[in-house]
C-alpha atoms as a PDB file:
ATOM      1  CA  MET A   1     -12.222 -11.791  14.409  1.00  0.00           C
ATOM      2  CA  PRO A   2      -8.807 -12.742  13.017  1.00  0.00           C
ATOM      3  CA  PHE A   3      -7.595  -9.331  11.915  1.00  0.00           C
ATOM      4  CA  LEU A   4      -8.652  -5.696  12.552  1.00  0.00           C
ATOM      5  CA  PHE A   5     -10.218  -4.768   9.209  1.00  0.00           C
ATOM      6  CA  ALA A   6     -10.352  -1.248   7.816  1.00  0.00           C
ATOM      7  CA  GLU A   7     -12.747  -2.145   5.003  1.00  0.00           C
ATOM      8  CA  ALA A   8     -14.963  -5.157   4.429  1.00  0.00           C
ATOM      9  CA  TYR A   9     -13.378  -6.177   1.124  1.00  0.00           C
ATOM     10  CA  MET A  10     -10.036  -6.754   2.871  1.00  0.00           C
ATOM     11  CA  ALA A  11     -11.327  -9.915   4.530  1.00  0.00           C
ATOM     12  CA  ALA A  12     -10.872 -11.933   1.346  1.00  0.00           C
ATOM     13  CA  PHE A  13      -7.107 -11.324   1.400  1.00  0.00           C
ATOM     14  CA  PHE A  14      -6.734 -13.146   4.716  1.00  0.00           C
ATOM     15  CA  GLY A  15      -8.800 -16.212   3.968  1.00  0.00           C
ATOM     16  CA  THR A  16      -9.152 -18.521   6.977  1.00  0.00           C
ATOM     17  CA  THR A  17      -5.837 -17.730   8.684  1.00  0.00           C
ATOM     18  CA  PRO A  18      -6.546 -18.202  12.417  1.00  0.00           C
ATOM     19  CA  CYS A  19      -5.561 -15.502  14.912  1.00  0.00           C
ATOM     20  CA  PRO A  20      -6.259 -15.372  18.679  1.00  0.00           C
ATOM     21  CA  ASP A  21      -8.789 -12.766  19.725  1.00  0.00           C
ATOM     22  CA  ASP A  22      -6.226 -11.239  22.102  1.00  0.00           C
ATOM     23  CA  VAL A  23      -3.620 -10.637  19.268  1.00  0.00           C
ATOM     24  CA  PRO A  24      -4.635  -7.393  17.536  1.00  0.00           C
ATOM     25  CA  ILE A  25      -3.137  -7.091  14.058  1.00  0.00           C
ATOM     26  CA  PRO A  26      -3.990  -3.778  12.311  1.00  0.00           C
ATOM     27  CA  VAL A  27      -4.546  -3.697   8.567  1.00  0.00           C
ATOM     28  CA  GLY A  28      -5.822  -0.125   8.438  1.00  0.00           C
ATOM     29  CA  ASP A  29      -4.123   3.133   9.387  1.00  0.00           C
ATOM     30  CA  PRO A  30      -6.810   4.469  11.763  1.00  0.00           C
ATOM     31  CA  THR A  31      -6.519   1.259  13.817  1.00  0.00           C
ATOM     32  CA  ALA A  32      -2.692   1.352  13.734  1.00  0.00           C
ATOM     33  CA  TRP A  33      -2.687   4.982  14.844  1.00  0.00           C
ATOM     34  CA  THR A  34      -4.748   4.017  17.921  1.00  0.00           C
ATOM     35  CA  LEU A  35      -2.719   0.907  18.749  1.00  0.00           C
ATOM     36  CA  TYR A  36       0.699   2.566  18.583  1.00  0.00           C
ATOM     37  CA  PRO A  37       0.599   6.005  20.220  1.00  0.00           C
ATOM     38  CA  ASP A  38       4.338   5.957  20.769  1.00  0.00           C
ATOM     39  CA  HIS A  39       5.054   5.553  17.048  1.00  0.00           C
ATOM     40  CA  ASN A  40       2.130   7.119  15.178  1.00  0.00           C
ATOM     41  CA  HIS A  41       4.097  10.261  14.468  1.00  0.00           C
ATOM     42  CA  VAL A  42       5.434   8.440  11.394  1.00  0.00           C
ATOM     43  CA  TYR A  43       2.129   9.246   9.682  1.00  0.00           C
ATOM     44  CA  ASN A  44       3.135  12.929   9.679  1.00  0.00           C
ATOM     45  CA  LYS A  45       4.823  13.411   6.320  1.00  0.00           C
ATOM     46  CA  LEU A  46       6.616  16.533   7.512  1.00  0.00           C
ATOM     47  CA  PHE A  47       8.405  14.220   9.959  1.00  0.00           C
ATOM     48  CA  LEU A  48       9.290  11.826   7.138  1.00  0.00           C
ATOM     49  CA  CYS A  49      10.803  14.639   5.064  1.00  0.00           C
ATOM     50  CA  ARG A  50      12.637  16.221   7.986  1.00  0.00           C
ATOM     51  CA  THR A  51      14.288  12.935   9.025  1.00  0.00           C
ATOM     52  CA  GLN A  52      15.545  12.384   5.476  1.00  0.00           C
ATOM     53  CA  GLY A  53      16.569  15.912   4.480  1.00  0.00           C
ATOM     54  CA  ILE A  54      13.877  16.212   1.851  1.00  0.00           C
ATOM     55  CA  ALA A  55      12.970  19.869   1.064  1.00  0.00           C
ATOM     56  CA  HIS A  56       9.436  20.617   2.276  1.00  0.00           C
ATOM     57  CA  ALA A  57       7.152  23.099   4.008  1.00  0.00           C
ATOM     58  CA  PRO A  58       3.456  23.359   4.940  1.00  0.00           C
ATOM     59  CA  LEU A  59       1.272  25.498   2.723  1.00  0.00           C
ATOM     60  CA  PRO A  60       0.994  28.453   2.233  1.00  0.00           C
ATOM     61  CA  VAL A  61       4.807  28.657   2.679  1.00  0.00           C
ATOM     62  CA  PRO A  62       5.956  28.959  -0.972  1.00  0.00           C
ATOM     63  CA  PRO A  63       8.548  26.599  -2.422  1.00  0.00           C
ATOM     64  CA  PRO A  64      11.820  28.200  -3.637  1.00  0.00           C
ATOM     65  CA  HIS A  65      11.438  26.457  -6.999  1.00  0.00           C
ATOM     66  CA  PHE A  66       9.174  24.228  -9.009  1.00  0.00           C
ATOM     67  CA  PRO A  67       8.011  21.577  -9.705  1.00  0.00           C
ATOM     68  CA  VAL A  68       7.015  20.202  -6.304  1.00  0.00           C
ATOM     69  CA  PHE A  69       4.576  17.602  -5.090  1.00  0.00           C
ATOM     70  CA  VAL A  70       1.622  18.586  -2.892  1.00  0.00           C
ATOM     71  CA  LYS A  71      -0.336  16.279  -0.556  1.00  0.00           C
ATOM     72  CA  PRO A  72      -1.941  16.172   2.877  1.00  0.00           C
ATOM     73  CA  ILE A  73       0.407  16.276   5.885  1.00  0.00           C
ATOM     74  CA  THR A  74      -1.471  13.360   7.433  1.00  0.00           C
ATOM     75  CA  ASN A  75      -4.177  11.288   5.828  1.00  0.00           C
ATOM     76  CA  LEU A  76      -5.258   7.976   7.327  1.00  0.00           C
ATOM     77  CA  LEU A  77      -7.800   7.048   4.663  1.00  0.00           C
ATOM     78  CA  GLY A  78      -6.621   6.951   1.028  1.00  0.00           C
ATOM     79  CA  MET A  79      -3.115   8.338   1.394  1.00  0.00           C
ATOM     80  CA  SER A  80      -3.065   9.837  -2.136  1.00  0.00           C
ATOM     81  CA  ILE A  81      -6.285  11.796  -1.793  1.00  0.00           C
ATOM     82  CA  GLY A  82      -5.676  15.461  -2.517  1.00  0.00           C
ATOM     83  CA  SER A  83      -2.191  14.932  -3.976  1.00  0.00           C
ATOM     84  CA  PHE A  84      -0.945  16.601  -7.157  1.00  0.00           C
ATOM     85  CA  ARG A  85       2.137  17.980  -8.915  1.00  0.00           C
ATOM     86  CA  ALA A  86       2.561  21.745  -8.841  1.00  0.00           C
ATOM     87  CA  ASP A  87       4.496  23.155 -11.786  1.00  0.00           C
ATOM     88  CA  GLY A  88       4.263  26.845 -10.843  1.00  0.00           C
ATOM     89  CA  PRO A  89       2.715  29.427  -8.489  1.00  0.00           C
ATOM     90  CA  PRO A  90      -0.724  29.323 -10.251  1.00  0.00           C
ATOM     91  CA  ASP A  91      -1.032  25.695  -9.154  1.00  0.00           C
ATOM     92  CA  LEU A  92      -0.832  26.854  -5.499  1.00  0.00           C
ATOM     93  CA  ALA A  93      -3.073  29.908  -5.861  1.00  0.00           C
ATOM     94  CA  GLU A  94      -5.891  28.127  -4.059  1.00  0.00           C
ATOM     95  CA  TYR A  95      -4.996  27.504  -0.409  1.00  0.00           C
ATOM     96  CA  ARG A  96      -5.359  23.885   0.692  1.00  0.00           C
ATOM     97  CA  ALA A  97      -5.629  23.572   4.433  1.00  0.00           C
ATOM     98  CA  GLY A  98      -3.595  20.759   5.938  1.00  0.00           C
ATOM     99  CA  CYS A  99      -1.374  20.200   2.904  1.00  0.00           C
ATOM    100  CA  PHE A 100       2.326  20.676   2.312  1.00  0.00           C
ATOM    101  CA  TRP A 101       4.743  20.663  -0.624  1.00  0.00           C
ATOM    102  CA  MET A 102       7.829  18.524  -0.931  1.00  0.00           C
ATOM    103  CA  GLU A 103      10.551  18.273  -3.528  1.00  0.00           C
ATOM    104  CA  LEU A 104       9.631  16.181  -6.551  1.00  0.00           C
ATOM    105  CA  LEU A 105      11.405  12.832  -6.181  1.00  0.00           C
ATOM    106  CA  THR A 106      12.451  10.663  -9.095  1.00  0.00           C
ATOM    107  CA  GLY A 107      13.327   6.987  -9.393  1.00  0.00           C
ATOM    108  CA  ARG A 108      11.462   3.737  -9.083  1.00  0.00           C
ATOM    109  CA  GLN A 109       8.443   3.649  -6.772  1.00  0.00           C
ATOM    110  CA  VAL A 110       8.503   0.695  -4.437  1.00  0.00           C
ATOM    111  CA  SER A 111       6.178  -0.583  -1.718  1.00  0.00           C
ATOM    112  CA  SER A 112       8.076  -2.521   0.963  1.00  0.00           C
ATOM    113  CA  ASP A 113       6.505  -4.622   3.687  1.00  0.00           C
ATOM    114  CA  VAL A 114       9.044  -5.155   6.482  1.00  0.00           C
ATOM    115  CA  ALA A 115       8.810  -7.464   9.483  1.00  0.00           C
ATOM    116  CA  ILE A 116      10.260  -5.545  12.415  1.00  0.00           C
ATOM    117  CA  VAL A 117      11.211  -6.819  15.885  1.00  0.00           C
ATOM    118  CA  ASP A 118      11.965  -4.056  18.411  1.00  0.00           C
ATOM    119  CA  GLY A 119      12.888  -1.614  15.640  1.00  0.00           C
ATOM    120  CA  ARG A 120      15.102  -4.113  13.780  1.00  0.00           C
ATOM    121  CA  ALA A 121      14.168  -5.284  10.283  1.00  0.00           C
ATOM    122  CA  ARG A 122      14.027  -9.072   9.999  1.00  0.00           C
ATOM    123  CA  TRP A 123      12.330  -9.651   6.590  1.00  0.00           C
ATOM    124  CA  PHE A 124      11.616  -7.582   3.470  1.00  0.00           C
ATOM    125  CA  SER A 125       9.349  -7.838   0.478  1.00  0.00           C
ATOM    126  CA  HIS A 126       9.605  -5.179  -2.232  1.00  0.00           C
ATOM    127  CA  THR A 127       6.911  -4.557  -4.855  1.00  0.00           C
ATOM    128  CA  GLN A 128       7.516  -2.078  -7.623  1.00  0.00           C
ATOM    129  CA  GLY A 129       4.715  -0.001  -9.123  1.00  0.00           C
ATOM    130  CA  HIS A 130       4.522   0.890 -12.800  1.00  0.00           C
ATOM    131  CA  PRO A 131       2.650   4.211 -12.950  1.00  0.00           C
ATOM    132  CA  ILE A 132       0.008   5.238 -15.439  1.00  0.00           C
ATOM    133  CA  ASP A 133      -0.643   8.719 -14.108  1.00  0.00           C
ATOM    134  CA  ASN A 134      -1.180  10.514 -10.836  1.00  0.00           C
ATOM    135  CA  GLY A 135      -1.785   7.780  -8.318  1.00  0.00           C
ATOM    136  CA  ARG A 136      -2.660   4.939 -10.708  1.00  0.00           C
ATOM    137  CA  PHE A 137      -0.483   1.986 -11.620  1.00  0.00           C
ATOM    138  CA  SER A 138      -0.815  -0.495 -14.481  1.00  0.00           C
ATOM    139  CA  HIS A 139       0.622  -3.242 -12.335  1.00  0.00           C
ATOM    140  CA  TRP A 140       2.850  -4.034  -9.363  1.00  0.00           C
ATOM    141  CA  GLU A 141       5.678  -6.593  -9.488  1.00  0.00           C
ATOM    142  CA  ARG A 142       7.326  -8.288  -6.534  1.00  0.00           C
ATOM    143  CA  LEU A 143      11.064  -7.847  -6.969  1.00  0.00           C
ATOM    144  CA  ASP A 144      13.484 -10.728  -6.651  1.00  0.00           C
ATOM    145  CA  SER A 145      16.651  -8.883  -7.534  1.00  0.00           C
ATOM    146  CA  ASP A 146      19.286  -7.437  -5.190  1.00  0.00           C
ATOM    147  CA  ASN A 147      17.571  -4.809  -3.038  1.00  0.00           C
ATOM    148  CA  ARG A 148      20.232  -4.468  -0.372  1.00  0.00           C
ATOM    149  CA  PRO A 149      20.765  -0.701  -0.887  1.00  0.00           C
ATOM    150  CA  LEU A 150      17.058  -0.002  -0.292  1.00  0.00           C
ATOM    151  CA  GLU A 151      16.976  -2.398   2.646  1.00  0.00           C
ATOM    152  CA  ALA A 152      19.917  -0.627   4.191  1.00  0.00           C
ATOM    153  CA  VAL A 153      18.040   2.670   4.027  1.00  0.00           C
ATOM    154  CA  LEU A 154      14.889   1.196   5.543  1.00  0.00           C
ATOM    155  CA  SER A 155      16.730  -0.704   8.251  1.00  0.00           C
ATOM    156  CA  ALA A 156      18.672   2.349   9.377  1.00  0.00           C
ATOM    157  CA  TRP A 157      15.584   4.565   9.456  1.00  0.00           C
ATOM    158  CA  ALA A 158      13.560   1.971  11.383  1.00  0.00           C
ATOM    159  CA  LEU A 159      16.336   1.429  13.896  1.00  0.00           C
ATOM    160  CA  GLU A 160      16.373   5.141  14.644  1.00  0.00           C
ATOM    161  CA  HIS A 161      12.682   5.981  14.528  1.00  0.00           C
ATOM    162  CA  LEU A 162      10.838   2.740  15.346  1.00  0.00           C
ATOM    163  CA  ASP A 163      12.711   1.645  18.440  1.00  0.00           C
ATOM    164  CA  GLY A 164      10.413  -0.565  20.573  1.00  0.00           C
ATOM    165  CA  PHE A 165       8.033  -1.334  17.707  1.00  0.00           C
ATOM    166  CA  THR A 166       7.260  -4.934  16.659  1.00  0.00           C
ATOM    167  CA  GLY A 167       5.044  -5.764  13.748  1.00  0.00           C
ATOM    168  CA  ILE A 168       4.733  -5.313   9.985  1.00  0.00           C
ATOM    169  CA  VAL A 169       5.496  -1.865   8.599  1.00  0.00           C
ATOM    170  CA  ASN A 170       4.794  -0.738   5.026  1.00  0.00           C
ATOM    171  CA  PHE A 171       7.147   1.778   3.482  1.00  0.00           C
ATOM    172  CA  GLU A 172       6.471   3.607   0.190  1.00  0.00           C
ATOM    173  CA  THR A 173       9.628   4.912  -1.445  1.00  0.00           C
ATOM    174  CA  ILE A 174      10.627   6.790  -4.553  1.00  0.00           C
ATOM    175  CA  GLY A 175      14.315   6.515  -5.431  1.00  0.00           C
ATOM    176  CA  ALA A 176      14.989   4.815  -2.040  1.00  0.00           C
ATOM    177  CA  ARG A 177      13.576   7.810  -0.118  1.00  0.00           C
ATOM    178  CA  ILE A 178      10.589   7.241   2.176  1.00  0.00           C
ATOM    179  CA  ILE A 179       7.416   9.101   1.178  1.00  0.00           C
ATOM    180  CA  GLU A 180       4.972   7.146   3.413  1.00  0.00           C
ATOM    181  CA  CYS A 181       5.249   4.927   6.454  1.00  0.00           C
ATOM    182  CA  HIS A 182       2.359   2.793   7.650  1.00  0.00           C
ATOM    183  CA  LEU A 183       2.261   0.798  10.894  1.00  0.00           C
ATOM    184  CA  ARG A 184       0.559  -2.110   9.134  1.00  0.00           C
ATOM    185  CA  MET A 185       0.957  -4.437   6.177  1.00  0.00           C
ATOM    186  CA  SER A 186      -0.032  -3.642   2.597  1.00  0.00           C
ATOM    187  CA  VAL A 187      -3.106  -5.860   2.387  1.00  0.00           C
ATOM    188  CA  GLU A 188      -3.314  -6.236  -1.374  1.00  0.00           C
ATOM    189  CA  PHE A 189       0.224  -7.601  -1.590  1.00  0.00           C
ATOM    190  CA  VAL A 190      -0.357 -10.375   0.925  1.00  0.00           C
ATOM    191  CA  PRO A 191      -1.050 -12.962  -1.834  1.00  0.00           C
ATOM    192  CA  LEU A 192       2.467 -12.218  -3.207  1.00  0.00           C
ATOM    193  CA  TYR A 193       4.186 -13.428  -0.065  1.00  0.00           C
ATOM    194  CA  GLY A 194       3.509 -17.099  -0.404  1.00  0.00           C
ATOM    195  CA  ARG A 195       2.140 -19.877   1.734  1.00  0.00           C
ATOM    196  CA  GLY A 196       2.569 -19.522   5.508  1.00  0.00           C
ATOM    197  CA  TRP A 197       3.301 -15.807   5.589  1.00  0.00           C
ATOM    198  CA  LEU A 198       0.152 -14.817   7.461  1.00  0.00           C
ATOM    199  CA  ASP A 199       0.788 -17.546  10.042  1.00  0.00           C
ATOM    200  CA  ALA A 200       4.244 -16.050  10.553  1.00  0.00           C
ATOM    201  CA  VAL A 201       2.652 -12.618  11.002  1.00  0.00           C
ATOM    202  CA  VAL A 202       0.367 -13.963  13.717  1.00  0.00           C
ATOM    203  CA  ARG A 203       3.412 -15.409  15.530  1.00  0.00           C
ATOM    204  CA  LEU A 204       5.224 -12.090  15.132  1.00  0.00           C
ATOM    205  CA  TYR A 205       2.494 -10.144  16.964  1.00  0.00           C
ATOM    206  CA  ARG A 206       1.860 -12.897  19.478  1.00  0.00           C
ATOM    207  CA  ASP A 207       5.438 -13.962  20.318  1.00  0.00           C
ATOM    208  CA  GLN A 208       7.388 -10.804  19.324  1.00  0.00           C
ATOM    209  CA  ALA A 209       9.617 -12.886  17.085  1.00  0.00           C
ATOM    210  CA  TRP A 210       9.931 -13.514  13.331  1.00  0.00           C
ATOM    211  CA  ASP A 211      10.061 -17.023  11.833  1.00  0.00           C
ATOM    212  CA  PHE A 212       9.210 -17.487   8.183  1.00  0.00           C
ATOM    213  CA  ALA A 213      10.591 -19.810   5.476  1.00  0.00           C
ATOM    214  CA  GLU A 214      10.337 -18.173   2.046  1.00  0.00           C
ATOM    215  CA  GLY A 215       8.711 -20.296  -0.647  1.00  0.00           C
ATOM    216  CA  PRO A 216       7.144 -19.933  -4.129  1.00  0.00           C
ATOM    217  CA  PHE A 217       4.957 -16.910  -4.723  1.00  0.00           C
ATOM    218  CA  PRO A 218       3.074 -15.194  -7.567  1.00  0.00           C
ATOM    219  CA  ARG A 219       4.806 -12.001  -8.709  1.00  0.00           C
ATOM    220  CA  PHE A 220       2.224  -9.629 -10.134  1.00  0.00           C
ATOM    221  CA  THR A 221      -0.863  -7.697  -9.149  1.00  0.00           C
ATOM    222  CA  VAL A 222      -2.869  -6.008 -11.868  1.00  0.00           C
ATOM    223  CA  PRO A 223      -5.605  -3.508 -10.808  1.00  0.00           C
ATOM    224  CA  SER A 224      -8.729  -2.741 -12.745  1.00  0.00           C
ATOM    225  CA  PHE A 225     -10.023   0.859 -12.784  1.00  0.00           C
ATOM    226  CA  THR A 226     -13.478   2.050 -13.752  1.00  0.00           C
ATOM    227  CA  GLY A 227     -15.911   4.959 -13.231  1.00  0.00           C
ATOM    228  CA  ASN A 228     -17.460   5.694  -9.870  1.00  0.00           C
ATOM    229  CA  VAL A 229     -20.758   3.808 -10.242  1.00  0.00           C
ATOM    230  CA  PRO A 230     -22.357   1.002  -8.206  1.00  0.00           C
ATOM    231  CA  HIS A 231     -21.169  -2.412  -9.247  1.00  0.00           C
ATOM    232  CA  ARG A 232     -22.181  -6.017  -8.869  1.00  0.00           C
ATOM    233  CA  VAL A 233     -20.036  -9.164  -8.880  1.00  0.00           C
ATOM    234  CA  ASP A 234     -20.909 -12.273 -10.947  1.00  0.00           C
ATOM    235  CA  ARG A 235     -19.369 -15.064  -8.806  1.00  0.00           C
ATOM    236  CA  ALA A 236     -19.500 -17.636 -11.566  1.00  0.00           C
ATOM    237  CA  ALA A 237     -17.675 -15.340 -13.983  1.00  0.00           C
ATOM    238  CA  LEU A 238     -15.181 -14.455 -11.261  1.00  0.00           C
ATOM    239  CA  ALA A 239     -14.462 -18.154 -10.750  1.00  0.00           C
ATOM    240  CA  ALA A 240     -13.922 -18.544 -14.491  1.00  0.00           C
ATOM    241  CA  LEU A 241     -11.329 -15.763 -14.369  1.00  0.00           C
ATOM    242  CA  GLU A 242      -9.507 -17.455 -11.497  1.00  0.00           C
ATOM    243  CA  ALA A 243      -9.405 -20.677 -13.523  1.00  0.00           C
ATOM    244  CA  MET A 244      -7.442 -19.012 -16.329  1.00  0.00           C
ATOM    245  CA  PRO A 245      -3.791 -20.139 -16.715  1.00  0.00           C
ATOM    246  CA  GLY A 246      -1.381 -18.267 -14.479  1.00  0.00           C
ATOM    247  CA  ILE A 247      -4.115 -16.583 -12.330  1.00  0.00           C
ATOM    248  CA  HIS A 248      -3.708 -16.980  -8.628  1.00  0.00           C
ATOM    249  CA  ARG A 249      -6.765 -14.984  -7.406  1.00  0.00           C
ATOM    250  CA  VAL A 250      -9.055 -12.139  -8.394  1.00  0.00           C
ATOM    251  CA  PHE A 251     -10.130  -9.885  -5.526  1.00  0.00           C
ATOM    252  CA  PRO A 252     -13.046  -7.456  -5.975  1.00  0.00           C
ATOM    253  CA  THR A 253     -12.183  -4.217  -4.155  1.00  0.00           C
ATOM    254  CA  ILE A 254     -15.519  -2.510  -4.513  1.00  0.00           C
ATOM    255  CA  ASN A 255     -16.474   0.188  -2.032  1.00  0.00           C
ATOM    256  CA  ASP A 256     -19.543   1.762  -3.542  1.00  0.00           C
ATOM    257  CA  GLY A 257     -20.468   3.398  -0.254  1.00  0.00           C
ATOM    258  CA  MET A 258     -17.329   5.529   0.073  1.00  0.00           C
ATOM    259  CA  PRO A 259     -15.497   5.130  -3.248  1.00  0.00           C
ATOM    260  CA  GLU A 260     -12.916   7.833  -2.434  1.00  0.00           C
ATOM    261  CA  LEU A 261     -11.319   5.610   0.235  1.00  0.00           C
ATOM    262  CA  GLY A 262      -8.393   3.502  -0.846  1.00  0.00           C
ATOM    263  CA  ASN A 263      -8.464   4.818  -4.424  1.00  0.00           C
ATOM    264  CA  PRO A 264      -6.191   7.214  -6.328  1.00  0.00           C
ATOM    265  CA  PRO A 265      -7.423  10.763  -7.088  1.00  0.00           C
ATOM    266  CA  ASN A 266      -8.439   9.967 -10.674  1.00  0.00           C
ATOM    267  CA  GLY A 267      -9.568   6.351 -10.680  1.00  0.00           C
ATOM    268  CA  TYR A 268     -11.916   3.923  -9.005  1.00  0.00           C
ATOM    269  CA  ARG A 269     -10.317   0.519  -8.433  1.00  0.00           C
ATOM    270  CA  ARG A 270     -12.823  -2.329  -8.701  1.00  0.00           C
ATOM    271  CA  ALA A 271     -10.536  -5.393  -8.561  1.00  0.00           C
ATOM    272  CA  VAL A 272      -6.974  -6.669  -8.010  1.00  0.00           C
ATOM    273  CA  ILE A 273      -5.793  -9.578 -10.149  1.00  0.00           C
ATOM    274  CA  VAL A 274      -2.960 -11.696  -8.662  1.00  0.00           C
ATOM    275  CA  ALA A 275      -1.032 -13.483 -11.384  1.00  0.00           C
ATOM    276  CA  GLU A 276       2.058 -15.630 -12.004  1.00  0.00           C
ATOM    277  CA  SER A 277       2.999 -13.477 -15.015  1.00  0.00           C
ATOM    278  CA  LEU A 278       2.108 -10.059 -16.342  1.00  0.00           C
ATOM    279  CA  ALA A 279       0.707 -11.597 -19.530  1.00  0.00           C
ATOM    280  CA  ALA A 280      -1.684 -13.765 -17.525  1.00  0.00           C
ATOM    281  CA  GLY A 281      -2.786 -10.795 -15.434  1.00  0.00           C
ATOM    282  CA  ARG A 282      -3.478  -8.696 -18.472  1.00  0.00           C
ATOM    283  CA  ALA A 283      -5.451 -11.541 -20.087  1.00  0.00           C
ATOM    284  CA  ALA A 284      -7.731 -11.678 -17.040  1.00  0.00           C
ATOM    285  CA  LEU A 285      -7.962  -7.910 -16.999  1.00  0.00           C
ATOM    286  CA  ALA A 286      -9.336  -7.933 -20.528  1.00  0.00           C
ATOM    287  CA  ARG A 287     -12.226 -10.109 -19.278  1.00  0.00           C
ATOM    288  CA  ILE A 288     -12.895  -8.328 -15.975  1.00  0.00           C
ATOM    289  CA  ASP A 289     -16.137  -6.792 -17.301  1.00  0.00           C
ATOM    290  CA  ASP A 290     -17.594 -10.305 -17.380  1.00  0.00           C
ATOM    291  CA  ALA A 291     -17.287 -10.608 -13.614  1.00  0.00           C
ATOM    292  CA  ILE A 292     -17.542  -7.051 -12.185  1.00  0.00           C
ATOM    293  CA  ARG A 293     -19.817  -4.629 -13.997  1.00  0.00           C
ATOM    294  CA  PRO A 294     -22.080  -1.678 -13.247  1.00  0.00           C
ATOM    295  CA  ALA A 295     -25.268  -2.598 -11.413  1.00  0.00           C
ATOM    296  CA  GLY A 296     -28.625  -2.069 -13.108  1.00  0.00           C
END
């Protein structure tokens, strides 16, 4: 098995990239937690806040002011499950075990995959989310502008808190402040990294060294959301979508068995469209019902 999968749909993102059986590469947080006992404390969001000076406290400790953001202290399946904005004391009247509040951050929301060798950052990719509402995004765009200020923040934090770790780490940030840290890659952004990236990842875990030559890459992922109902995939229609101009791939992300996993609190993601341009991605999105529709 080339990679340690968290969900079956993830396999499509890795294609046929070979990986030795004795080189474990986690793509899900439960597996990463088990593989890295010396570093899995980064999944504790109280730790993330404390190391960055972000105001926070576990519930039912009340915040000194509102609004604040509430979410689970640790959640290894669907990190946004149970999260919400609290605008006043009535929003916290119901006690939520295992949750905490943190100050409401502002600024652009970015997902960064970082290749790390012994705690030192060697390569970055930054993808900015464009939010619709709580937990949902209309699209994500791989950034090609100057991101050195964000990279300086991530490099310094990793050097202090990920000493001895080698692998891919995913950081979620808002306004260059870390809100989540995952000891694995962000699977759905792998197609944005270009040819040869997964081969470099295998070498990173096998040889404890990073060697990757950046090349052309598609820039956008466009998700499709729908209601929580069983779905079926029409493979011929899916192939027709992928043949549209500017479309790189269309990945079904259906999990009818446990739809709450890997989805935002108020949406059920059925597909991810990888496109050269936002216009191309939206054109394929308009036809997604042809390929992925409710069963029955």
